[in-house]
Amino acid sequence: MSSKAIFVQPGGGYEKVVVGSSEVRAAARGEITVRLHANSLNYHDFAVVSGVWGPAEKRIPMADGAGEVIAVGPDVTEFKVGDSVVSTFFPEWINGAPLVEGCNGLSLHHVSSIT
């Protein structure tokens, strides 16, 4: 499956933003695949795109988003297909239980800016 995406080329800068597609690989052990329904733009995204924090390699500028789980990899027990989820931005993830389990009662557009 492929997904349409906006990419920022190395170094950043508005002239280095391109629209393209990315192949979505199958969820690996301990991973989930999420179809995004909404995302918010924040200072982090601005800094990456504008070149303030220009990326060293091609990057999709998105730190905060919300969507639906469409696949779960082996050994995933805390999520199932159809769950609504919110992204978090942790450059160096430390494995552990999530602090927020869901966003019941709120739209995905609302929760896309929570983190």
C-alpha atoms as a PDB file:
ATOM      1  CA  MET A   1       0.000   0.000   0.000  1.00  0.00           C
ATOM      2  CA  SER A   2       1.268   3.494  -0.726  1.00  0.00           C
ATOM      3  CA  SER A   3       0.410   6.730   1.035  1.00  0.00           C
ATOM      4  CA  LYS A   4       0.492  10.308  -0.253  1.00  0.00           C
ATOM      5  CA  ALA A   5       2.755  12.514   1.863  1.00  0.00           C
ATOM      6  CA  ILE A   6       4.508  15.848   2.058  1.00  0.00           C
ATOM      7  CA  PHE A   7       8.288  15.575   2.407  1.00  0.00           C
ATOM      8  CA  VAL A   8      10.961  18.094   3.370  1.00  0.00           C
ATOM      9  CA  GLN A   9      14.277  17.476   1.623  1.00  0.00           C
ATOM     10  CA  PRO A  10      17.561  17.602   3.615  1.00  0.00           C
ATOM     11  CA  GLY A  11      18.386  21.034   5.006  1.00  0.00           C
ATOM     12  CA  GLY A  12      14.787  22.216   5.050  1.00  0.00           C
ATOM     13  CA  GLY A  13      13.372  25.391   3.564  1.00  0.00           C
ATOM     14  CA  TYR A  14      10.041  26.025   1.876  1.00  0.00           C
ATOM     15  CA  GLU A  15      11.546  25.447  -1.570  1.00  0.00           C
ATOM     16  CA  LYS A  16      12.501  21.928  -0.444  1.00  0.00           C
ATOM     17  CA  VAL A  17       8.929  20.794   0.305  1.00  0.00           C
ATOM     18  CA  VAL A  18       7.633  18.217  -2.177  1.00  0.00           C
ATOM     19  CA  VAL A  19       4.539  16.045  -2.485  1.00  0.00           C
ATOM     20  CA  GLY A  20       5.217  12.376  -3.038  1.00  0.00           C
ATOM     21  CA  SER A  21       4.245   8.913  -1.957  1.00  0.00           C
ATOM     22  CA  SER A  22       5.664   6.460   0.500  1.00  0.00           C
ATOM     23  CA  GLU A  23       5.286   2.698   0.612  1.00  0.00           C
ATOM     24  CA  VAL A  24       3.615   1.584   3.817  1.00  0.00           C
ATOM     25  CA  ARG A  25       5.233  -1.631   5.005  1.00  0.00           C
ATOM     26  CA  ALA A  26       3.447  -4.248   7.068  1.00  0.00           C
ATOM     27  CA  ALA A  27       3.402  -3.645  10.817  1.00  0.00           C
ATOM     28  CA  ALA A  28       6.430  -5.398  12.326  1.00  0.00           C
ATOM     29  CA  ARG A  29       6.682  -7.031  15.752  1.00  0.00           C
ATOM     30  CA  GLY A  30       5.529  -4.550  18.400  1.00  0.00           C
ATOM     31  CA  GLU A  31       4.299  -1.982  15.834  1.00  0.00           C
ATOM     32  CA  ILE A  32       0.946  -0.678  14.641  1.00  0.00           C
ATOM     33  CA  THR A  33      -0.029   0.990  11.360  1.00  0.00           C
ATOM     34  CA  VAL A  34      -2.197   4.108  11.646  1.00  0.00           C
ATOM     35  CA  ARG A  35      -4.275   5.835   8.970  1.00  0.00           C
ATOM     36  CA  LEU A  36      -4.104   9.523   9.904  1.00  0.00           C
ATOM     37  CA  HIS A  37      -7.358  11.437   9.864  1.00  0.00           C
ATOM     38  CA  ALA A  38      -6.079  14.744  11.265  1.00  0.00           C
ATOM     39  CA  ASN A  39      -2.852  16.420  12.248  1.00  0.00           C
ATOM     40  CA  SER A  40      -1.933  19.762  13.721  1.00  0.00           C
ATOM     41  CA  LEU A  41       0.916  22.016  12.706  1.00  0.00           C
ATOM     42  CA  ASN A  42       3.007  23.285  15.579  1.00  0.00           C
ATOM     43  CA  TYR A  43       6.317  25.057  16.078  1.00  0.00           C
ATOM     44  CA  HIS A  44       8.280  21.834  15.619  1.00  0.00           C
ATOM     45  CA  ASP A  45       6.766  21.323  12.149  1.00  0.00           C
ATOM     46  CA  PHE A  46       7.369  24.983  11.241  1.00  0.00           C
ATOM     47  CA  ALA A  47      11.005  24.742  12.354  1.00  0.00           C
ATOM     48  CA  VAL A  48      11.622  21.581  10.294  1.00  0.00           C
ATOM     49  CA  VAL A  49       9.953  22.923   7.136  1.00  0.00           C
ATOM     50  CA  SER A  50      11.405  26.443   7.320  1.00  0.00           C
ATOM     51  CA  GLY A  51      14.950  25.167   7.835  1.00  0.00           C
ATOM     52  CA  VAL A  52      15.401  26.367  11.429  1.00  0.00           C
ATOM     53  CA  TRP A  53      15.825  22.681  12.331  1.00  0.00           C
ATOM     54  CA  GLY A  54      16.542  21.486   8.817  1.00  0.00           C
ATOM     55  CA  PRO A  55      16.512  17.689   8.674  1.00  0.00           C
ATOM     56  CA  ALA A  56      19.651  15.749   7.741  1.00  0.00           C
ATOM     57  CA  GLU A  57      17.557  13.385   5.591  1.00  0.00           C
ATOM     58  CA  LYS A  58      14.199  13.460   3.830  1.00  0.00           C
ATOM     59  CA  ARG A  59      11.432  13.750   6.426  1.00  0.00           C
ATOM     60  CA  ILE A  60       7.656  13.927   6.702  1.00  0.00           C
ATOM     61  CA  PRO A  61       6.920  16.985   8.889  1.00  0.00           C
ATOM     62  CA  MET A  62       4.369  15.779  11.423  1.00  0.00           C
ATOM     63  CA  ALA A  63       4.698  15.602  15.192  1.00  0.00           C
ATOM     64  CA  ASP A  64       1.049  15.581  16.315  1.00  0.00           C
ATOM     65  CA  GLY A  65      -1.756  13.604  14.726  1.00  0.00           C
ATOM     66  CA  ALA A  66      -4.743  11.373  15.337  1.00  0.00           C
ATOM     67  CA  GLY A  67      -6.081   8.425  13.407  1.00  0.00           C
ATOM     68  CA  GLU A  68      -7.288   4.855  13.311  1.00  0.00           C
ATOM     69  CA  VAL A  69      -5.305   1.649  13.758  1.00  0.00           C
ATOM     70  CA  ILE A  70      -5.501  -0.314  10.480  1.00  0.00           C
ATOM     71  CA  ALA A  71      -2.999  -3.086  11.277  1.00  0.00           C
ATOM     72  CA  VAL A  72      -1.237  -4.565  14.295  1.00  0.00           C
ATOM     73  CA  GLY A  73       2.028  -6.451  14.260  1.00  0.00           C
ATOM     74  CA  PRO A  74       2.893  -9.601  16.180  1.00  0.00           C
ATOM     75  CA  ASP A  75       3.000  -9.277  19.984  1.00  0.00           C
ATOM     76  CA  VAL A  76       0.834  -6.134  20.033  1.00  0.00           C
ATOM     77  CA  THR A  77      -1.812  -6.588  22.714  1.00  0.00           C
ATOM     78  CA  GLU A  78      -2.755  -3.063  23.789  1.00  0.00           C
ATOM     79  CA  PHE A  79      -4.196  -1.956  20.423  1.00  0.00           C
ATOM     80  CA  LYS A  80      -6.576  -3.513  17.923  1.00  0.00           C
ATOM     81  CA  VAL A  81      -7.705  -2.626  14.403  1.00  0.00           C
ATOM     82  CA  GLY A  82     -10.289   0.159  14.605  1.00  0.00           C
ATOM     83  CA  ASP A  83      -8.894   1.841  17.744  1.00  0.00           C
ATOM     84  CA  SER A  84      -8.603   5.637  17.689  1.00  0.00           C
ATOM     85  CA  VAL A  85      -5.086   6.745  18.597  1.00  0.00           C
ATOM     86  CA  VAL A  86      -3.087   9.939  19.098  1.00  0.00           C
ATOM     87  CA  SER A  87       0.578  10.294  18.150  1.00  0.00           C
ATOM     88  CA  THR A  88       3.291  11.393  20.517  1.00  0.00           C
ATOM     89  CA  PHE A  89       6.704  12.764  19.652  1.00  0.00           C
ATOM     90  CA  PHE A  90       9.552  11.043  21.472  1.00  0.00           C
ATOM     91  CA  PRO A  91      12.888  11.228  19.629  1.00  0.00           C
ATOM     92  CA  GLU A  92      14.262   8.583  22.009  1.00  0.00           C
ATOM     93  CA  TRP A  93      11.425   6.290  23.058  1.00  0.00           C
ATOM     94  CA  ILE A  94      11.619   4.472  26.382  1.00  0.00           C
ATOM     95  CA  ASN A  95       9.300   1.481  26.223  1.00  0.00           C
ATOM     96  CA  GLY A  96       6.469   1.438  28.745  1.00  0.00           C
ATOM     97  CA  ALA A  97       2.748   1.669  29.257  1.00  0.00           C
ATOM     98  CA  PRO A  98       1.015   4.683  27.674  1.00  0.00           C
ATOM     99  CA  LEU A  99      -0.186   7.443  29.977  1.00  0.00           C
ATOM    100  CA  VAL A 100      -3.256   8.152  27.849  1.00  0.00           C
ATOM    101  CA  GLU A 101      -5.241   5.181  26.641  1.00  0.00           C
ATOM    102  CA  GLY A 102      -7.718   6.798  24.299  1.00  0.00           C
ATOM    103  CA  CYS A 103      -9.711   9.762  23.174  1.00  0.00           C
ATOM    104  CA  ASN A 104     -13.275   8.558  23.542  1.00  0.00           C
ATOM    105  CA  GLY A 105     -15.852  11.297  23.112  1.00  0.00           C
ATOM    106  CA  LEU A 106     -13.582  13.667  21.184  1.00  0.00           C
ATOM    107  CA  SER A 107     -13.188  13.912  17.431  1.00  0.00           C
ATOM    108  CA  LEU A 108      -9.874  12.955  15.863  1.00  0.00           C
ATOM    109  CA  HIS A 109      -9.558  16.564  14.667  1.00  0.00           C
ATOM    110  CA  HIS A 110      -9.728  17.766  18.282  1.00  0.00           C
ATOM    111  CA  VAL A 111      -7.298  15.242  19.714  1.00  0.00           C
ATOM    112  CA  SER A 112      -4.723  15.696  16.939  1.00  0.00           C
ATOM    113  CA  SER A 113      -3.353  18.713  18.836  1.00  0.00           C
ATOM    114  CA  ILE A 114      -3.288  17.260  22.355  1.00  0.00           C
ATOM    115  CA  THR A 115       0.330  16.128  22.593  1.00  0.00           C
END
